[in-house]
């Protein structure tokens, strides 16, 4: 593997991670607004992440499928961790950043694992499978313009 392809793959992984975190933050805002975790929202989030990664970061293929599925799982995990930190912030009268610093990543991870229901996990797995499939596909070429 050449240095160029390795750096391209590393850039794609970092970009996919940032897209996943951003999608998780938007998903959290929607969940807070509705006061419902909305685990089914993982499916459209996964589709949007796959299309964004395939369209802007890498062409369709196996590496893109892995990046899209990983970004979808990252978004789902991030939503659960943010909701756990928001629950801590609300019950203790802290700000969001203070509750994240006070609780720490380990405690937030454990709280989000305990709060995850089988339905949440099922939706996340389905969304990751969809994102992987959409990331694997090659984009369709538009038909040629008439002369």
C-alpha atoms as a PDB file:
ATOM      1  CA  UNK A   1       0.000   0.000   0.000  1.00  0.00           C
ATOM      2  CA  UNK A   2       1.499   3.306  -1.041  1.00  0.00           C
ATOM      3  CA  UNK A   3       1.777   6.352   1.172  1.00  0.00           C
ATOM      4  CA  UNK A   4      -0.754   8.186  -0.990  1.00  0.00           C
ATOM      5  CA  UNK A   5      -3.430   5.499  -0.694  1.00  0.00           C
ATOM      6  CA  UNK A   6      -2.772   5.167   3.026  1.00  0.00           C
ATOM      7  CA  UNK A   7      -3.134   8.916   3.553  1.00  0.00           C
ATOM      8  CA  UNK A   8      -6.297   8.945   1.431  1.00  0.00           C
ATOM      9  CA  UNK A   9      -7.774   6.134   3.522  1.00  0.00           C
ATOM     10  CA  UNK A  10      -6.790   7.893   6.759  1.00  0.00           C
ATOM     11  CA  UNK A  11      -8.372  11.140   5.548  1.00  0.00           C
ATOM     12  CA  UNK A  12     -11.517   9.226   4.615  1.00  0.00           C
ATOM     13  CA  UNK A  13     -11.681   7.595   8.048  1.00  0.00           C
ATOM     14  CA  UNK A  14     -11.280  10.914   9.856  1.00  0.00           C
ATOM     15  CA  UNK A  15     -13.853  12.566   7.597  1.00  0.00           C
ATOM     16  CA  UNK A  16     -16.326   9.712   8.099  1.00  0.00           C
ATOM     17  CA  UNK A  17     -15.846   9.934  11.869  1.00  0.00           C
ATOM     18  CA  UNK A  18     -16.531  13.674  11.841  1.00  0.00           C
ATOM     19  CA  UNK A  19     -19.618  13.150   9.673  1.00  0.00           C
ATOM     20  CA  UNK A  20     -20.835  10.474  12.081  1.00  0.00           C
ATOM     21  CA  UNK A  21     -20.343  12.750  15.098  1.00  0.00           C
ATOM     22  CA  UNK A  22     -22.119  15.618  13.356  1.00  0.00           C
ATOM     23  CA  UNK A  23     -25.021  13.358  12.390  1.00  0.00           C
ATOM     24  CA  UNK A  24     -25.224  12.129  15.986  1.00  0.00           C
ATOM     25  CA  UNK A  25     -25.395  15.699  17.279  1.00  0.00           C
ATOM     26  CA  UNK A  26     -28.210  16.579  14.869  1.00  0.00           C
ATOM     27  CA  UNK A  27     -30.013  13.371  15.813  1.00  0.00           C
ATOM     28  CA  UNK A  28     -29.659  14.311  19.504  1.00  0.00           C
ATOM     29  CA  UNK A  29     -31.141  17.748  18.861  1.00  0.00           C
ATOM     30  CA  UNK A  30     -34.132  16.167  17.119  1.00  0.00           C
ATOM     31  CA  UNK A  31     -34.536  13.638  19.934  1.00  0.00           C
ATOM     32  CA  UNK A  32     -34.445  16.383  22.553  1.00  0.00           C
ATOM     33  CA  UNK A  33     -36.983  18.443  20.664  1.00  0.00           C
ATOM     34  CA  UNK A  34     -39.381  15.503  20.405  1.00  0.00           C
ATOM     35  CA  UNK A  35     -38.476  14.184  23.880  1.00  0.00           C
ATOM     36  CA  UNK A  36     -38.193  10.739  22.322  1.00  0.00           C
ATOM     37  CA  UNK A  37     -34.961   8.882  21.487  1.00  0.00           C
ATOM     38  CA  UNK A  38     -36.280   8.011  17.991  1.00  0.00           C
ATOM     39  CA  UNK A  39     -34.092   4.919  17.360  1.00  0.00           C
ATOM     40  CA  UNK A  40     -35.696   4.525  13.920  1.00  0.00           C
ATOM     41  CA  UNK A  41     -33.922   7.729  12.876  1.00  0.00           C
ATOM     42  CA  UNK A  42     -30.762   5.636  12.554  1.00  0.00           C
ATOM     43  CA  UNK A  43     -31.949   4.435   9.137  1.00  0.00           C
ATOM     44  CA  UNK A  44     -32.220   7.844   7.420  1.00  0.00           C
ATOM     45  CA  UNK A  45     -29.071   9.005   9.215  1.00  0.00           C
ATOM     46  CA  UNK A  46     -27.213   5.960   7.890  1.00  0.00           C
ATOM     47  CA  UNK A  47     -28.487   6.562   4.362  1.00  0.00           C
ATOM     48  CA  UNK A  48     -27.438  10.217   4.436  1.00  0.00           C
ATOM     49  CA  UNK A  49     -24.021   9.296   5.825  1.00  0.00           C
ATOM     50  CA  UNK A  50     -23.505   6.681   3.111  1.00  0.00           C
ATOM     51  CA  UNK A  51     -24.476   9.093   0.355  1.00  0.00           C
ATOM     52  CA  UNK A  52     -22.254  11.825   1.806  1.00  0.00           C
ATOM     53  CA  UNK A  53     -19.265   9.514   2.144  1.00  0.00           C
ATOM     54  CA  UNK A  54     -19.782   7.976  -1.299  1.00  0.00           C
ATOM     55  CA  UNK A  55     -20.358  11.327  -2.952  1.00  0.00           C
ATOM     56  CA  UNK A  56     -17.733  13.477  -1.263  1.00  0.00           C
ATOM     57  CA  UNK A  57     -15.028  11.307   0.291  1.00  0.00           C
ATOM     58  CA  UNK A  58     -14.560   8.036  -1.605  1.00  0.00           C
ATOM     59  CA  UNK A  59     -16.131   6.350  -4.612  1.00  0.00           C
ATOM     60  CA  UNK A  60     -18.374   3.375  -3.964  1.00  0.00           C
ATOM     61  CA  UNK A  61     -16.693   0.150  -2.953  1.00  0.00           C
ATOM     62  CA  UNK A  62     -15.835  -2.025   0.033  1.00  0.00           C
ATOM     63  CA  UNK A  63     -13.810   0.649   1.859  1.00  0.00           C
ATOM     64  CA  UNK A  64     -16.672   3.119   1.472  1.00  0.00           C
ATOM     65  CA  UNK A  65     -19.119   0.529   2.792  1.00  0.00           C
ATOM     66  CA  UNK A  66     -17.011  -0.006   5.907  1.00  0.00           C
ATOM     67  CA  UNK A  67     -16.636   3.748   6.445  1.00  0.00           C
ATOM     68  CA  UNK A  68     -20.375   4.331   6.055  1.00  0.00           C
ATOM     69  CA  UNK A  69     -21.317   1.506   8.435  1.00  0.00           C
ATOM     70  CA  UNK A  70     -18.753   2.657  11.001  1.00  0.00           C
ATOM     71  CA  UNK A  71     -19.956   6.266  10.780  1.00  0.00           C
ATOM     72  CA  UNK A  72     -23.531   5.076  11.329  1.00  0.00           C
ATOM     73  CA  UNK A  73     -22.551   3.078  14.423  1.00  0.00           C
ATOM     74  CA  UNK A  74     -20.553   6.052  15.683  1.00  0.00           C
ATOM     75  CA  UNK A  75     -23.579   8.327  15.280  1.00  0.00           C
ATOM     76  CA  UNK A  76     -25.793   5.875  17.205  1.00  0.00           C
ATOM     77  CA  UNK A  77     -23.255   5.526  20.023  1.00  0.00           C
ATOM     78  CA  UNK A  78     -22.739   9.277  20.173  1.00  0.00           C
ATOM     79  CA  UNK A  79     -26.487   9.887  20.489  1.00  0.00           C
ATOM     80  CA  UNK A  80     -26.735   7.535  23.444  1.00  0.00           C
ATOM     81  CA  UNK A  81     -23.709   9.083  25.140  1.00  0.00           C
ATOM     82  CA  UNK A  82     -25.009  12.618  24.641  1.00  0.00           C
ATOM     83  CA  UNK A  83     -28.432  11.684  25.992  1.00  0.00           C
ATOM     84  CA  UNK A  84     -26.775  10.099  29.046  1.00  0.00           C
ATOM     85  CA  UNK A  85     -24.719  13.243  29.646  1.00  0.00           C
ATOM     86  CA  UNK A  86     -27.795  15.422  29.209  1.00  0.00           C
ATOM     87  CA  UNK A  87     -29.672  13.335  31.777  1.00  0.00           C
ATOM     88  CA  UNK A  88     -26.770  13.758  34.200  1.00  0.00           C
ATOM     89  CA  UNK A  89     -26.672  17.489  33.470  1.00  0.00           C
ATOM     90  CA  UNK A  90     -30.397  17.839  34.075  1.00  0.00           C
ATOM     91  CA  UNK A  91     -30.456  15.872  37.298  1.00  0.00           C
ATOM     92  CA  UNK A  92     -27.389  17.534  38.805  1.00  0.00           C
ATOM     93  CA  UNK A  93     -27.946  21.068  37.555  1.00  0.00           C
ATOM     94  CA  UNK A  94     -24.753  21.127  35.490  1.00  0.00           C
ATOM     95  CA  UNK A  95     -24.067  22.310  31.988  1.00  0.00           C
ATOM     96  CA  UNK A  96     -23.543  19.793  29.195  1.00  0.00           C
ATOM     97  CA  UNK A  97     -19.774  20.238  29.001  1.00  0.00           C
ATOM     98  CA  UNK A  98     -19.444  20.071  32.795  1.00  0.00           C
ATOM     99  CA  UNK A  99     -21.457  16.865  32.959  1.00  0.00           C
ATOM    100  CA  UNK A 100     -19.321  15.285  30.220  1.00  0.00           C
ATOM    101  CA  UNK A 101     -16.124  16.264  32.039  1.00  0.00           C
ATOM    102  CA  UNK A 102     -17.431  15.169  35.427  1.00  0.00           C
ATOM    103  CA  UNK A 103     -18.849  11.826  34.296  1.00  0.00           C
ATOM    104  CA  UNK A 104     -16.043  10.928  31.924  1.00  0.00           C
ATOM    105  CA  UNK A 105     -16.182   8.850  28.793  1.00  0.00           C
ATOM    106  CA  UNK A 106     -16.159   5.544  30.683  1.00  0.00           C
ATOM    107  CA  UNK A 107     -19.216   6.339  32.787  1.00  0.00           C
ATOM    108  CA  UNK A 108     -21.108   7.762  29.810  1.00  0.00           C
ATOM    109  CA  UNK A 109     -20.281   4.630  27.824  1.00  0.00           C
ATOM    110  CA  UNK A 110     -21.583   2.393  30.616  1.00  0.00           C
ATOM    111  CA  UNK A 111     -24.753   4.461  31.038  1.00  0.00           C
ATOM    112  CA  UNK A 112     -25.440   4.429  27.318  1.00  0.00           C
ATOM    113  CA  UNK A 113     -24.865   0.654  27.177  1.00  0.00           C
ATOM    114  CA  UNK A 114     -27.278   0.118  30.069  1.00  0.00           C
ATOM    115  CA  UNK A 115     -29.920   2.350  28.492  1.00  0.00           C
ATOM    116  CA  UNK A 116     -29.701   0.771  25.027  1.00  0.00           C
ATOM    117  CA  UNK A 117     -32.668  -1.474  24.391  1.00  0.00           C
ATOM    118  CA  UNK A 118     -32.728  -4.364  21.914  1.00  0.00           C
ATOM    119  CA  UNK A 119     -34.861  -2.146  19.680  1.00  0.00           C
ATOM    120  CA  UNK A 120     -32.145   0.532  19.639  1.00  0.00           C
ATOM    121  CA  UNK A 121     -29.505  -2.038  18.742  1.00  0.00           C
ATOM    122  CA  UNK A 122     -31.696  -3.554  16.025  1.00  0.00           C
ATOM    123  CA  UNK A 123     -32.305  -0.182  14.393  1.00  0.00           C
ATOM    124  CA  UNK A 124     -28.581   0.640  14.550  1.00  0.00           C
ATOM    125  CA  UNK A 125     -27.619  -2.683  12.948  1.00  0.00           C
ATOM    126  CA  UNK A 126     -30.234  -2.262  10.206  1.00  0.00           C
ATOM    127  CA  UNK A 127     -29.032   1.273   9.562  1.00  0.00           C
ATOM    128  CA  UNK A 128     -25.392   0.152   9.384  1.00  0.00           C
ATOM    129  CA  UNK A 129     -26.309  -2.607   6.930  1.00  0.00           C
ATOM    130  CA  UNK A 130     -28.194  -0.116   4.763  1.00  0.00           C
ATOM    131  CA  UNK A 131     -25.309   2.363   4.949  1.00  0.00           C
ATOM    132  CA  UNK A 132     -22.848  -0.359   3.994  1.00  0.00           C
ATOM    133  CA  UNK A 133     -24.972  -1.440   1.041  1.00  0.00           C
ATOM    134  CA  UNK A 134     -25.407   2.143  -0.164  1.00  0.00           C
ATOM    135  CA  UNK A 135     -21.682   2.777   0.293  1.00  0.00           C
ATOM    136  CA  UNK A 136     -20.769  -0.320  -1.695  1.00  0.00           C
ATOM    137  CA  UNK A 137     -22.870   0.598  -4.728  1.00  0.00           C
ATOM    138  CA  UNK A 138     -21.379   2.616  -7.510  1.00  0.00           C
ATOM    139  CA  UNK A 139     -23.273   5.837  -8.271  1.00  0.00           C
ATOM    140  CA  UNK A 140     -25.377   5.722 -11.378  1.00  0.00           C
ATOM    141  CA  UNK A 141     -24.201   7.738 -14.300  1.00  0.00           C
ATOM    142  CA  UNK A 142     -26.691  10.242 -15.639  1.00  0.00           C
ATOM    143  CA  UNK A 143     -27.865   9.636 -19.194  1.00  0.00           C
ATOM    144  CA  UNK A 144     -26.032  11.637 -21.850  1.00  0.00           C
ATOM    145  CA  UNK A 145     -27.574  14.926 -22.851  1.00  0.00           C
ATOM    146  CA  UNK A 146     -29.342  14.980 -26.231  1.00  0.00           C
ATOM    147  CA  UNK A 147     -27.569  16.854 -28.983  1.00  0.00           C
END
